[in-house]
Amino acid sequence: MAKVELTCDNVLAALKARLYKPVYYLMGEEPYYIDIISNYIIDNVLTETEKEFNLTVVYGMDVDIAAVINTAKRYPLMSEHQVVVVKEAQGMRGMDDLSYYLKKPQPSTILVICHKHGTLDRRKKLAAEIERVGVLFESKKLREPQLPTFINSYLNEKGITVDPKASSMIAGFVGNDLSRLAGELDKLAITLPEDRKTVTPVDVEKNIGISKDYNNFELRAALVEKDVLKANQIVKYFQENPKTNPIQMTLSLLFNFFSNLMLAYYAPEKSEQGVAAFLGLKSPWQAREYLVAMRRYSGVKTMEIIGEIRNADAMSKGVGNISLGDGDILRELIFKILH
């Protein structure tokens, strides 16, 4: 039977039920979920009085694993547990020596190791030892198609719904930096009028600074429909407002879309449900643009477009380009996509 992937929600559910493990190794490229779990442990396992003597927070660059193990072996003072948190553990020396502690971890200690922007090699013995006695959690970056689901879920927890276009605008503008994305969503929730519980494109334009008519979401829609006039109007707006519409963000969105479009040609079932399932989209409606684009762009053309986006990305970074500005690079790219 395939192993079920451990999620942030799974870990938090166990913590809320006070089903604690002696070791939590939190790792991965997405810092957001690592912070969510470690902050929950810091904030909720101990009372404020207990924290004075039983909460230790250190940084990997300042300690080695031997010092962490010595702290973890201590007994709590007037408390059922002590919590030891190692932040930025990717900079800590001698991590493999954690194996000695894992042979007989202190039952009253909750050791939390936060390893950001990287992962522990799961092929190593240490990974298996952590999973045997504790939690080995990998926090992965969300892909662009997954962002609307995150946005919807985040706002739903606050009793707020979001218009699909508004959700796509936010995702296209902010990208998959979840900490920044959560901050922008908090801003929207605070500024939303008390008598309204739905975020609209107008709210996004007003509070995040994205034009509801000229944004990456609308550019993608114009390209899907091969609307030459609309696409060039948006490119002109981007050129006039480069600070709020950086070319790297646009290229990233276009690359993700056309890469997924290339994959969509291989979907066994060319329906909304079939393409959504094949691409790992959360909702069939997210597949509609791909189905429309498949009718307007051949597989060969899509491959050419992906190559042109890569070339535009290199040029925007100065590779083989001595004169073109970002606006000119984008305009040339859009022309090649549409023709």
C-alpha atoms as a PDB file:
ATOM      1  CA  MET A   1       0.000   0.000   0.000  1.00  0.00           C
ATOM      2  CA  ALA A   2       1.285   3.449  -0.955  1.00  0.00           C
ATOM      3  CA  LYS A   3       2.380   5.594   1.955  1.00  0.00           C
ATOM      4  CA  VAL A   4       0.041   8.520   2.667  1.00  0.00           C
ATOM      5  CA  GLU A   5       1.861  11.859   2.473  1.00  0.00           C
ATOM      6  CA  LEU A   6       1.976  13.732   5.756  1.00  0.00           C
ATOM      7  CA  THR A   7       0.375  17.180   5.518  1.00  0.00           C
ATOM      8  CA  CYS A   8       0.507  20.270   7.695  1.00  0.00           C
ATOM      9  CA  ASP A   9      -3.150  19.703   8.608  1.00  0.00           C
ATOM     10  CA  ASN A  10      -2.379  16.130   9.734  1.00  0.00           C
ATOM     11  CA  VAL A  11       0.432  17.314  12.004  1.00  0.00           C
ATOM     12  CA  LEU A  12      -1.646  20.143  13.472  1.00  0.00           C
ATOM     13  CA  ALA A  13      -4.623  17.849  14.097  1.00  0.00           C
ATOM     14  CA  ALA A  14      -2.466  15.524  16.202  1.00  0.00           C
ATOM     15  CA  LEU A  15      -0.936  18.455  18.081  1.00  0.00           C
ATOM     16  CA  LYS A  16      -4.376  19.908  18.837  1.00  0.00           C
ATOM     17  CA  ALA A  17      -5.372  16.509  20.231  1.00  0.00           C
ATOM     18  CA  ARG A  18      -2.205  16.696  22.421  1.00  0.00           C
ATOM     19  CA  LEU A  19      -0.798  13.585  20.766  1.00  0.00           C
ATOM     20  CA  TYR A  20       2.792  14.744  20.984  1.00  0.00           C
ATOM     21  CA  LYS A  21       5.874  13.092  19.526  1.00  0.00           C
ATOM     22  CA  PRO A  22       9.355  13.483  21.054  1.00  0.00           C
ATOM     23  CA  VAL A  23      10.881  14.784  17.781  1.00  0.00           C
ATOM     24  CA  TYR A  24       9.545  16.932  14.944  1.00  0.00           C
ATOM     25  CA  TYR A  25      11.898  17.346  11.987  1.00  0.00           C
ATOM     26  CA  LEU A  26      10.330  20.028   9.776  1.00  0.00           C
ATOM     27  CA  MET A  27      12.074  20.496   6.440  1.00  0.00           C
ATOM     28  CA  GLY A  28      11.488  21.713   2.906  1.00  0.00           C
ATOM     29  CA  GLU A  29      11.539  24.535   0.387  1.00  0.00           C
ATOM     30  CA  GLU A  30       8.353  26.206   1.704  1.00  0.00           C
ATOM     31  CA  PRO A  31       9.049  27.984   5.030  1.00  0.00           C
ATOM     32  CA  TYR A  32       5.379  28.840   5.611  1.00  0.00           C
ATOM     33  CA  TYR A  33       4.231  25.420   6.825  1.00  0.00           C
ATOM     34  CA  ILE A  34       7.392  24.928   8.893  1.00  0.00           C
ATOM     35  CA  ASP A  35       6.624  28.174  10.713  1.00  0.00           C
ATOM     36  CA  ILE A  36       2.957  27.253  11.167  1.00  0.00           C
ATOM     37  CA  ILE A  37       3.790  23.963  12.908  1.00  0.00           C
ATOM     38  CA  SER A  38       6.741  25.195  14.985  1.00  0.00           C
ATOM     39  CA  ASN A  39       4.860  28.317  16.107  1.00  0.00           C
ATOM     40  CA  TYR A  40       1.859  26.223  17.127  1.00  0.00           C
ATOM     41  CA  ILE A  41       4.086  24.054  19.332  1.00  0.00           C
ATOM     42  CA  ILE A  42       5.776  27.116  20.861  1.00  0.00           C
ATOM     43  CA  ASP A  43       2.464  28.868  21.512  1.00  0.00           C
ATOM     44  CA  ASN A  44       0.299  25.989  22.720  1.00  0.00           C
ATOM     45  CA  VAL A  45       2.174  23.108  24.367  1.00  0.00           C
ATOM     46  CA  LEU A  46       3.264  25.109  27.419  1.00  0.00           C
ATOM     47  CA  THR A  47       1.455  27.722  29.481  1.00  0.00           C
ATOM     48  CA  GLU A  48       3.006  31.164  29.745  1.00  0.00           C
ATOM     49  CA  THR A  49       4.330  30.300  33.223  1.00  0.00           C
ATOM     50  CA  GLU A  50       5.785  26.986  32.045  1.00  0.00           C
ATOM     51  CA  LYS A  51       7.562  28.677  29.134  1.00  0.00           C
ATOM     52  CA  GLU A  52       9.809  30.628  31.521  1.00  0.00           C
ATOM     53  CA  PHE A  53      11.733  27.468  32.481  1.00  0.00           C
ATOM     54  CA  ASN A  54      10.814  24.910  29.823  1.00  0.00           C
ATOM     55  CA  LEU A  55      11.016  26.634  26.428  1.00  0.00           C
ATOM     56  CA  THR A  56      14.385  26.810  24.692  1.00  0.00           C
ATOM     57  CA  VAL A  57      14.786  28.371  21.239  1.00  0.00           C
ATOM     58  CA  VAL A  58      18.199  28.276  19.561  1.00  0.00           C
ATOM     59  CA  TYR A  59      19.560  28.871  16.061  1.00  0.00           C
ATOM     60  CA  GLY A  60      21.514  26.304  14.065  1.00  0.00           C
ATOM     61  CA  MET A  61      24.405  28.638  13.308  1.00  0.00           C
ATOM     62  CA  ASP A  62      24.965  29.218  17.046  1.00  0.00           C
ATOM     63  CA  VAL A  63      24.963  25.616  18.323  1.00  0.00           C
ATOM     64  CA  ASP A  64      25.955  22.095  17.364  1.00  0.00           C
ATOM     65  CA  ILE A  65      23.838  18.983  17.697  1.00  0.00           C
ATOM     66  CA  ALA A  66      25.657  17.902  20.881  1.00  0.00           C
ATOM     67  CA  ALA A  67      24.478  21.031  22.697  1.00  0.00           C
ATOM     68  CA  VAL A  68      20.919  20.488  21.446  1.00  0.00           C
ATOM     69  CA  ILE A  69      20.934  16.872  22.637  1.00  0.00           C
ATOM     70  CA  ASN A  70      22.181  17.884  26.078  1.00  0.00           C
ATOM     71  CA  THR A  71      19.334  20.377  26.369  1.00  0.00           C
ATOM     72  CA  ALA A  72      16.795  17.819  25.134  1.00  0.00           C
ATOM     73  CA  LYS A  73      17.890  15.313  27.784  1.00  0.00           C
ATOM     74  CA  ARG A  74      16.966  17.645  30.632  1.00  0.00           C
ATOM     75  CA  TYR A  75      13.809  17.099  32.647  1.00  0.00           C
ATOM     76  CA  PRO A  76      11.087  19.759  32.666  1.00  0.00           C
ATOM     77  CA  LEU A  77      10.696  21.987  35.708  1.00  0.00           C
ATOM     78  CA  MET A  78       7.188  22.024  37.190  1.00  0.00           C
ATOM     79  CA  SER A  79       5.726  21.010  33.852  1.00  0.00           C
ATOM     80  CA  GLU A  80       4.785  17.861  31.985  1.00  0.00           C
ATOM     81  CA  HIS A  81       6.912  18.852  28.987  1.00  0.00           C
ATOM     82  CA  GLN A  82       9.826  20.953  27.894  1.00  0.00           C
ATOM     83  CA  VAL A  83      10.024  22.286  24.325  1.00  0.00           C
ATOM     84  CA  VAL A  84      13.341  22.693  22.505  1.00  0.00           C
ATOM     85  CA  VAL A  85      13.219  24.436  19.126  1.00  0.00           C
ATOM     86  CA  VAL A  86      16.129  24.669  16.697  1.00  0.00           C
ATOM     87  CA  LYS A  87      15.510  27.332  14.047  1.00  0.00           C
ATOM     88  CA  GLU A  88      17.547  27.553  10.816  1.00  0.00           C
ATOM     89  CA  ALA A  89      18.803  24.035  11.510  1.00  0.00           C
ATOM     90  CA  GLN A  90      20.260  23.762   7.992  1.00  0.00           C
ATOM     91  CA  GLY A  91      23.261  25.646   9.399  1.00  0.00           C
ATOM     92  CA  MET A  92      23.825  23.307  12.344  1.00  0.00           C
ATOM     93  CA  ARG A  93      26.904  21.097  12.582  1.00  0.00           C
ATOM     94  CA  GLY A  94      26.886  17.337  13.184  1.00  0.00           C
ATOM     95  CA  MET A  95      23.220  16.612  12.447  1.00  0.00           C
ATOM     96  CA  ASP A  96      23.919  12.907  11.860  1.00  0.00           C
ATOM     97  CA  ASP A  97      24.758  12.581  15.567  1.00  0.00           C
ATOM     98  CA  LEU A  98      21.065  13.099  16.317  1.00  0.00           C
ATOM     99  CA  SER A  99      20.832   9.316  15.789  1.00  0.00           C
ATOM    100  CA  TYR A 100      22.294   8.743  19.257  1.00  0.00           C
ATOM    101  CA  TYR A 101      19.494  10.720  20.894  1.00  0.00           C
ATOM    102  CA  LEU A 102      16.810   9.020  18.789  1.00  0.00           C
ATOM    103  CA  LYS A 103      17.732   5.624  20.225  1.00  0.00           C
ATOM    104  CA  LYS A 104      16.199   6.721  23.529  1.00  0.00           C
ATOM    105  CA  PRO A 105      14.635  10.191  23.283  1.00  0.00           C
ATOM    106  CA  GLN A 106      13.542  11.968  26.461  1.00  0.00           C
ATOM    107  CA  PRO A 107       9.743  11.303  26.669  1.00  0.00           C
ATOM    108  CA  SER A 108       9.035  14.626  28.357  1.00  0.00           C
ATOM    109  CA  THR A 109      10.892  16.652  25.702  1.00  0.00           C
ATOM    110  CA  ILE A 110       9.396  17.888  22.437  1.00  0.00           C
ATOM    111  CA  LEU A 111      12.352  18.587  20.153  1.00  0.00           C
ATOM    112  CA  VAL A 112      11.492  20.652  17.062  1.00  0.00           C
ATOM    113  CA  ILE A 113      14.102  20.989  14.307  1.00  0.00           C
ATOM    114  CA  CYS A 114      13.339  23.528  11.562  1.00  0.00           C
ATOM    115  CA  HIS A 115      15.348  22.838   8.418  1.00  0.00           C
ATOM    116  CA  LYS A 116      14.306  25.414   5.803  1.00  0.00           C
ATOM    117  CA  HIS A 117      15.154  25.678   2.098  1.00  0.00           C
ATOM    118  CA  GLY A 118      16.297  22.092   1.837  1.00  0.00           C
ATOM    119  CA  THR A 119      15.582  18.537   2.923  1.00  0.00           C
ATOM    120  CA  LEU A 120      17.168  15.685   4.802  1.00  0.00           C
ATOM    121  CA  ASP A 121      18.245  12.870   2.497  1.00  0.00           C
ATOM    122  CA  ARG A 122      15.479  10.290   3.005  1.00  0.00           C
ATOM    123  CA  ARG A 123      17.854   7.519   1.935  1.00  0.00           C
ATOM    124  CA  LYS A 124      19.938   8.078   5.047  1.00  0.00           C
ATOM    125  CA  LYS A 125      19.437   6.081   8.225  1.00  0.00           C
ATOM    126  CA  LEU A 126      18.691   9.269  10.154  1.00  0.00           C
ATOM    127  CA  ALA A 127      15.474   9.886   8.203  1.00  0.00           C
ATOM    128  CA  ALA A 128      14.143   6.429   9.035  1.00  0.00           C
ATOM    129  CA  GLU A 129      15.082   6.858  12.697  1.00  0.00           C
ATOM    130  CA  ILE A 130      13.188  10.160  12.912  1.00  0.00           C
ATOM    131  CA  GLU A 131      10.089   8.597  11.342  1.00  0.00           C
ATOM    132  CA  ARG A 132      10.293   5.680  13.778  1.00  0.00           C
ATOM    133  CA  VAL A 133      10.018   7.824  16.911  1.00  0.00           C
ATOM    134  CA  GLY A 134       8.708  11.174  15.688  1.00  0.00           C
ATOM    135  CA  VAL A 135       7.516  13.245  12.737  1.00  0.00           C
ATOM    136  CA  LEU A 136       9.468  13.844   9.542  1.00  0.00           C
ATOM    137  CA  PHE A 137       7.526  16.508   7.661  1.00  0.00           C
ATOM    138  CA  GLU A 138       8.444  17.938   4.258  1.00  0.00           C
ATOM    139  CA  SER A 139       7.009  21.351   3.391  1.00  0.00           C
ATOM    140  CA  LYS A 140       6.807  21.577  -0.406  1.00  0.00           C
ATOM    141  CA  LYS A 141       6.373  24.643  -2.602  1.00  0.00           C
ATOM    142  CA  LEU A 142       2.891  24.925  -4.073  1.00  0.00           C
ATOM    143  CA  ARG A 143       2.607  24.929  -7.841  1.00  0.00           C
ATOM    144  CA  GLU A 144       0.835  27.829  -9.559  1.00  0.00           C
ATOM    145  CA  PRO A 145      -2.420  25.874 -10.210  1.00  0.00           C
ATOM    146  CA  GLN A 146      -2.640  25.074  -6.470  1.00  0.00           C
ATOM    147  CA  LEU A 147      -2.560  28.712  -5.322  1.00  0.00           C
ATOM    148  CA  PRO A 148      -6.280  29.525  -5.839  1.00  0.00           C
ATOM    149  CA  THR A 149      -7.154  26.570  -3.601  1.00  0.00           C
ATOM    150  CA  PHE A 150      -4.804  27.877  -0.889  1.00  0.00           C
ATOM    151  CA  ILE A 151      -6.308  31.364  -1.227  1.00  0.00           C
ATOM    152  CA  ASN A 152      -9.869  30.056  -1.011  1.00  0.00           C
ATOM    153  CA  SER A 153      -9.085  27.866   1.997  1.00  0.00           C
ATOM    154  CA  TYR A 154      -7.201  30.634   3.840  1.00  0.00           C
ATOM    155  CA  LEU A 155     -10.032  33.126   3.433  1.00  0.00           C
ATOM    156  CA  ASN A 156     -12.762  30.540   4.115  1.00  0.00           C
ATOM    157  CA  GLU A 157     -11.254  30.001   7.569  1.00  0.00           C
ATOM    158  CA  LYS A 158     -11.999  33.674   8.201  1.00  0.00           C
ATOM    159  CA  GLY A 159     -15.572  33.288   6.941  1.00  0.00           C
ATOM    160  CA  ILE A 160     -14.749  35.030   3.655  1.00  0.00           C
ATOM    161  CA  THR A 161     -15.281  33.847   0.071  1.00  0.00           C
ATOM    162  CA  VAL A 162     -13.358  35.077  -2.954  1.00  0.00           C
ATOM    163  CA  ASP A 163     -14.365  35.692  -6.547  1.00  0.00           C
ATOM    164  CA  PRO A 164     -12.476  33.284  -8.894  1.00  0.00           C
ATOM    165  CA  LYS A 165     -11.043  36.167 -10.927  1.00  0.00           C
ATOM    166  CA  ALA A 166      -9.911  37.924  -7.746  1.00  0.00           C
ATOM    167  CA  SER A 167      -8.245  34.702  -6.588  1.00  0.00           C
ATOM    168  CA  SER A 168      -6.379  34.347  -9.891  1.00  0.00           C
ATOM    169  CA  MET A 169      -5.310  37.993  -9.785  1.00  0.00           C
ATOM    170  CA  ILE A 170      -3.808  37.537  -6.316  1.00  0.00           C
ATOM    171  CA  ALA A 171      -2.078  34.279  -7.268  1.00  0.00           C
ATOM    172  CA  GLY A 172      -0.640  35.768 -10.450  1.00  0.00           C
ATOM    173  CA  PHE A 173       0.633  38.886  -8.705  1.00  0.00           C
ATOM    174  CA  VAL A 174       2.024  37.458  -5.464  1.00  0.00           C
ATOM    175  CA  GLY A 175       3.159  34.018  -6.673  1.00  0.00           C
ATOM    176  CA  ASN A 176       3.865  31.035  -4.452  1.00  0.00           C
ATOM    177  CA  ASP A 177       5.590  32.824  -1.562  1.00  0.00           C
ATOM    178  CA  LEU A 178       2.980  31.664   0.957  1.00  0.00           C
ATOM    179  CA  SER A 179       4.118  33.925   3.789  1.00  0.00           C
ATOM    180  CA  ARG A 180       3.727  36.992   1.590  1.00  0.00           C
ATOM    181  CA  LEU A 181       0.489  35.599   0.159  1.00  0.00           C
ATOM    182  CA  ALA A 182      -0.962  35.098   3.650  1.00  0.00           C
ATOM    183  CA  GLY A 183       0.005  38.686   4.514  1.00  0.00           C
ATOM    184  CA  GLU A 184      -1.821  40.060   1.470  1.00  0.00           C
ATOM    185  CA  LEU A 185      -4.893  37.952   2.289  1.00  0.00           C
ATOM    186  CA  ASP A 186      -4.869  39.233   5.867  1.00  0.00           C
ATOM    187  CA  LYS A 187      -4.792  42.771   4.468  1.00  0.00           C
ATOM    188  CA  LEU A 188      -7.824  42.026   2.283  1.00  0.00           C
ATOM    189  CA  ALA A 189      -9.719  40.468   5.211  1.00  0.00           C
ATOM    190  CA  ILE A 190      -9.077  43.513   7.406  1.00  0.00           C
ATOM    191  CA  THR A 191     -10.052  46.073   4.766  1.00  0.00           C
ATOM    192  CA  LEU A 192     -13.197  44.260   3.588  1.00  0.00           C
ATOM    193  CA  PRO A 193     -16.373  46.193   4.582  1.00  0.00           C
ATOM    194  CA  GLU A 194     -18.152  44.639   7.593  1.00  0.00           C
ATOM    195  CA  ASP A 195     -21.366  44.120   5.643  1.00  0.00           C
ATOM    196  CA  ARG A 196     -19.638  42.099   2.887  1.00  0.00           C
ATOM    197  CA  LYS A 197     -17.937  38.701   3.022  1.00  0.00           C
ATOM    198  CA  THR A 198     -16.738  38.276  -0.572  1.00  0.00           C
ATOM    199  CA  VAL A 199     -13.456  39.534  -2.021  1.00  0.00           C
ATOM    200  CA  THR A 200     -13.912  40.969  -5.525  1.00  0.00           C
ATOM    201  CA  PRO A 201     -11.435  42.056  -8.230  1.00  0.00           C
ATOM    202  CA  VAL A 202     -12.154  45.667  -7.217  1.00  0.00           C
ATOM    203  CA  ASP A 203     -11.021  44.887  -3.640  1.00  0.00           C
ATOM    204  CA  VAL A 204      -7.811  43.368  -4.978  1.00  0.00           C
ATOM    205  CA  GLU A 205      -7.159  46.367  -7.233  1.00  0.00           C
ATOM    206  CA  LYS A 206      -7.784  48.807  -4.385  1.00  0.00           C
ATOM    207  CA  ASN A 207      -5.858  47.078  -1.594  1.00  0.00           C
ATOM    208  CA  ILE A 208      -3.078  45.117  -3.301  1.00  0.00           C
ATOM    209  CA  GLY A 209      -2.416  47.448  -6.204  1.00  0.00           C
ATOM    210  CA  ILE A 210      -3.242  45.141  -9.107  1.00  0.00           C
ATOM    211  CA  SER A 211      -5.287  46.488 -11.992  1.00  0.00           C
ATOM    212  CA  LYS A 212      -8.431  44.404 -12.431  1.00  0.00           C
ATOM    213  CA  ASP A 213      -8.192  44.861 -16.207  1.00  0.00           C
ATOM    214  CA  TYR A 214      -4.423  44.819 -16.820  1.00  0.00           C
ATOM    215  CA  ASN A 215      -2.749  41.972 -14.976  1.00  0.00           C
ATOM    216  CA  ASN A 216      -1.098  38.621 -15.627  1.00  0.00           C
ATOM    217  CA  PHE A 217      -4.402  36.795 -15.242  1.00  0.00           C
ATOM    218  CA  GLU A 218      -5.976  38.932 -18.001  1.00  0.00           C
ATOM    219  CA  LEU A 219      -2.869  38.580 -20.191  1.00  0.00           C
ATOM    220  CA  ARG A 220      -3.071  34.804 -19.941  1.00  0.00           C
ATOM    221  CA  ALA A 221      -6.788  34.923 -20.773  1.00  0.00           C
ATOM    222  CA  ALA A 222      -6.091  37.138 -23.807  1.00  0.00           C
ATOM    223  CA  LEU A 223      -3.431  34.711 -25.045  1.00  0.00           C
ATOM    224  CA  VAL A 224      -5.760  31.749 -24.581  1.00  0.00           C
ATOM    225  CA  GLU A 225      -8.377  33.516 -26.693  1.00  0.00           C
ATOM    226  CA  LYS A 226      -5.729  34.857 -29.091  1.00  0.00           C
ATOM    227  CA  ASP A 227      -7.079  38.347 -28.486  1.00  0.00           C
ATOM    228  CA  VAL A 228      -4.257  40.332 -30.095  1.00  0.00           C
ATOM    229  CA  LEU A 229      -5.614  43.773 -29.213  1.00  0.00           C
ATOM    230  CA  LYS A 230      -6.208  42.990 -25.526  1.00  0.00           C
ATOM    231  CA  ALA A 231      -2.845  41.257 -25.133  1.00  0.00           C
ATOM    232  CA  ASN A 232      -0.979  44.250 -26.565  1.00  0.00           C
ATOM    233  CA  GLN A 233      -2.955  46.694 -24.422  1.00  0.00           C
ATOM    234  CA  ILE A 234      -1.873  44.766 -21.329  1.00  0.00           C
ATOM    235  CA  VAL A 235       1.767  44.629 -22.460  1.00  0.00           C
ATOM    236  CA  LYS A 236       1.686  48.406 -23.017  1.00  0.00           C
ATOM    237  CA  TYR A 237       0.284  48.876 -19.476  1.00  0.00           C
ATOM    238  CA  PHE A 238       3.016  46.609 -18.057  1.00  0.00           C
ATOM    239  CA  GLN A 239       5.676  48.627 -19.871  1.00  0.00           C
ATOM    240  CA  GLU A 240       4.308  51.843 -18.369  1.00  0.00           C
ATOM    241  CA  ASN A 241       4.075  50.315 -14.860  1.00  0.00           C
ATOM    242  CA  PRO A 242       7.179  48.098 -14.536  1.00  0.00           C
ATOM    243  CA  LYS A 243       7.421  48.231 -10.736  1.00  0.00           C
ATOM    244  CA  THR A 244       4.012  46.632 -10.216  1.00  0.00           C
ATOM    245  CA  ASN A 245       4.363  44.282 -13.200  1.00  0.00           C
ATOM    246  CA  PRO A 246       7.907  42.849 -13.209  1.00  0.00           C
ATOM    247  CA  ILE A 247       8.691  40.743 -16.252  1.00  0.00           C
ATOM    248  CA  GLN A 248       9.979  37.788 -14.199  1.00  0.00           C
ATOM    249  CA  MET A 249       6.583  37.307 -12.609  1.00  0.00           C
ATOM    250  CA  THR A 250       4.869  37.396 -16.017  1.00  0.00           C
ATOM    251  CA  LEU A 251       7.344  34.964 -17.556  1.00  0.00           C
ATOM    252  CA  SER A 252       6.942  32.563 -14.637  1.00  0.00           C
ATOM    253  CA  LEU A 253       3.170  32.537 -15.010  1.00  0.00           C
ATOM    254  CA  LEU A 254       3.355  32.052 -18.799  1.00  0.00           C
ATOM    255  CA  PHE A 255       5.948  29.289 -18.466  1.00  0.00           C
ATOM    256  CA  ASN A 256       3.814  27.415 -15.932  1.00  0.00           C
ATOM    257  CA  PHE A 257       0.700  27.749 -18.104  1.00  0.00           C
ATOM    258  CA  PHE A 258       2.249  26.583 -21.366  1.00  0.00           C
ATOM    259  CA  SER A 259       4.184  23.794 -19.620  1.00  0.00           C
ATOM    260  CA  ASN A 260       0.887  22.522 -18.210  1.00  0.00           C
ATOM    261  CA  LEU A 261      -0.714  22.964 -21.626  1.00  0.00           C
ATOM    262  CA  MET A 262       1.976  20.726 -23.094  1.00  0.00           C
ATOM    263  CA  LEU A 263       1.183  18.097 -20.466  1.00  0.00           C
ATOM    264  CA  ALA A 264      -2.547  18.436 -21.116  1.00  0.00           C
ATOM    265  CA  TYR A 265      -2.067  17.024 -24.621  1.00  0.00           C
ATOM    266  CA  TYR A 266      -1.114  13.730 -22.978  1.00  0.00           C
ATOM    267  CA  ALA A 267      -4.192  13.539 -20.733  1.00  0.00           C
ATOM    268  CA  PRO A 268      -6.051  10.261 -21.491  1.00  0.00           C
ATOM    269  CA  GLU A 269      -9.393  12.061 -21.265  1.00  0.00           C
ATOM    270  CA  LYS A 270      -9.705  15.509 -22.858  1.00  0.00           C
ATOM    271  CA  SER A 271     -12.538  16.770 -20.629  1.00  0.00           C
ATOM    272  CA  GLU A 272     -12.518  19.286 -17.771  1.00  0.00           C
ATOM    273  CA  GLN A 273     -12.487  16.447 -15.246  1.00  0.00           C
ATOM    274  CA  GLY A 274      -9.886  14.422 -17.159  1.00  0.00           C
ATOM    275  CA  VAL A 275      -7.454  17.311 -17.702  1.00  0.00           C
ATOM    276  CA  ALA A 276      -7.901  18.560 -14.125  1.00  0.00           C
ATOM    277  CA  ALA A 277      -7.118  15.094 -12.739  1.00  0.00           C
ATOM    278  CA  PHE A 278      -4.107  14.650 -15.056  1.00  0.00           C
ATOM    279  CA  LEU A 279      -2.617  18.060 -14.143  1.00  0.00           C
ATOM    280  CA  GLY A 280      -3.420  17.725 -10.444  1.00  0.00           C
ATOM    281  CA  LEU A 281      -5.808  20.683 -10.438  1.00  0.00           C
ATOM    282  CA  LYS A 282      -8.171  20.950  -7.479  1.00  0.00           C
ATOM    283  CA  SER A 283     -11.248  21.868  -9.508  1.00  0.00           C
ATOM    284  CA  PRO A 284     -12.425  20.996 -13.056  1.00  0.00           C
ATOM    285  CA  TRP A 285     -13.131  24.667 -13.840  1.00  0.00           C
ATOM    286  CA  GLN A 286      -9.399  25.327 -13.627  1.00  0.00           C
ATOM    287  CA  ALA A 287      -8.983  23.083 -16.698  1.00  0.00           C
ATOM    288  CA  ARG A 288     -11.247  25.167 -18.938  1.00  0.00           C
ATOM    289  CA  GLU A 289      -8.501  27.520 -20.116  1.00  0.00           C
ATOM    290  CA  TYR A 290      -6.335  24.556 -21.084  1.00  0.00           C
ATOM    291  CA  LEU A 291      -9.124  23.028 -23.159  1.00  0.00           C
ATOM    292  CA  VAL A 292      -9.685  26.331 -24.965  1.00  0.00           C
ATOM    293  CA  ALA A 293      -5.928  26.792 -25.508  1.00  0.00           C
ATOM    294  CA  MET A 294      -5.614  23.263 -26.935  1.00  0.00           C
ATOM    295  CA  ARG A 295      -8.019  24.298 -29.695  1.00  0.00           C
ATOM    296  CA  ARG A 296      -5.927  27.378 -30.539  1.00  0.00           C
ATOM    297  CA  TYR A 297      -2.352  26.131 -30.095  1.00  0.00           C
ATOM    298  CA  SER A 298      -0.940  22.912 -31.509  1.00  0.00           C
ATOM    299  CA  GLY A 299       1.473  20.766 -29.549  1.00  0.00           C
ATOM    300  CA  VAL A 300       4.334  21.843 -31.827  1.00  0.00           C
ATOM    301  CA  LYS A 301       3.460  25.526 -31.367  1.00  0.00           C
ATOM    302  CA  THR A 302       3.270  25.046 -27.597  1.00  0.00           C
ATOM    303  CA  MET A 303       6.774  23.586 -27.568  1.00  0.00           C
ATOM    304  CA  GLU A 304       8.007  26.562 -29.579  1.00  0.00           C
ATOM    305  CA  ILE A 305       6.341  28.959 -27.121  1.00  0.00           C
ATOM    306  CA  ILE A 306       8.033  27.291 -24.140  1.00  0.00           C
ATOM    307  CA  GLY A 307      11.365  27.759 -25.911  1.00  0.00           C
ATOM    308  CA  GLU A 308      10.591  31.430 -26.610  1.00  0.00           C
ATOM    309  CA  ILE A 309       9.682  32.017 -22.933  1.00  0.00           C
ATOM    310  CA  ARG A 310      13.001  30.482 -21.857  1.00  0.00           C
ATOM    311  CA  ASN A 311      14.803  32.731 -24.331  1.00  0.00           C
ATOM    312  CA  ALA A 312      12.928  35.801 -23.059  1.00  0.00           C
ATOM    313  CA  ASP A 313      13.861  34.894 -19.488  1.00  0.00           C
ATOM    314  CA  ALA A 314      17.545  34.667 -20.441  1.00  0.00           C
ATOM    315  CA  MET A 315      17.385  37.993 -22.288  1.00  0.00           C
ATOM    316  CA  SER A 316      15.715  39.686 -19.295  1.00  0.00           C
ATOM    317  CA  LYS A 317      18.761  38.616 -17.285  1.00  0.00           C
ATOM    318  CA  GLY A 318      21.176  40.086 -19.829  1.00  0.00           C
ATOM    319  CA  VAL A 319      22.090  36.868 -21.654  1.00  0.00           C
ATOM    320  CA  GLY A 320      22.626  37.663 -25.353  1.00  0.00           C
ATOM    321  CA  ASN A 321      20.922  41.044 -24.921  1.00  0.00           C
ATOM    322  CA  ILE A 322      22.614  44.438 -24.859  1.00  0.00           C
ATOM    323  CA  SER A 323      19.829  46.806 -25.822  1.00  0.00           C
ATOM    324  CA  LEU A 324      16.268  45.531 -25.276  1.00  0.00           C
ATOM    325  CA  GLY A 325      14.388  46.590 -22.151  1.00  0.00           C
ATOM    326  CA  ASP A 326      11.940  44.330 -20.332  1.00  0.00           C
ATOM    327  CA  GLY A 327       8.942  45.903 -22.078  1.00  0.00           C
ATOM    328  CA  ASP A 328      10.430  45.265 -25.522  1.00  0.00           C
ATOM    329  CA  ILE A 329      11.345  41.695 -24.590  1.00  0.00           C
ATOM    330  CA  LEU A 330       7.792  41.011 -23.425  1.00  0.00           C
ATOM    331  CA  ARG A 331       6.213  42.645 -26.487  1.00  0.00           C
ATOM    332  CA  GLU A 332       8.382  40.531 -28.798  1.00  0.00           C
ATOM    333  CA  LEU A 333       7.511  37.387 -26.852  1.00  0.00           C
ATOM    334  CA  ILE A 334       3.760  38.053 -27.001  1.00  0.00           C
ATOM    335  CA  PHE A 335       4.015  38.617 -30.768  1.00  0.00           C
ATOM    336  CA  LYS A 336       5.757  35.248 -31.198  1.00  0.00           C
ATOM    337  CA  ILE A 337       3.134  33.510 -29.051  1.00  0.00           C
ATOM    338  CA  LEU A 338       0.214  34.946 -31.002  1.00  0.00           C
ATOM    339  CA  HIS A 339       1.648  34.530 -34.503  1.00  0.00           C
END
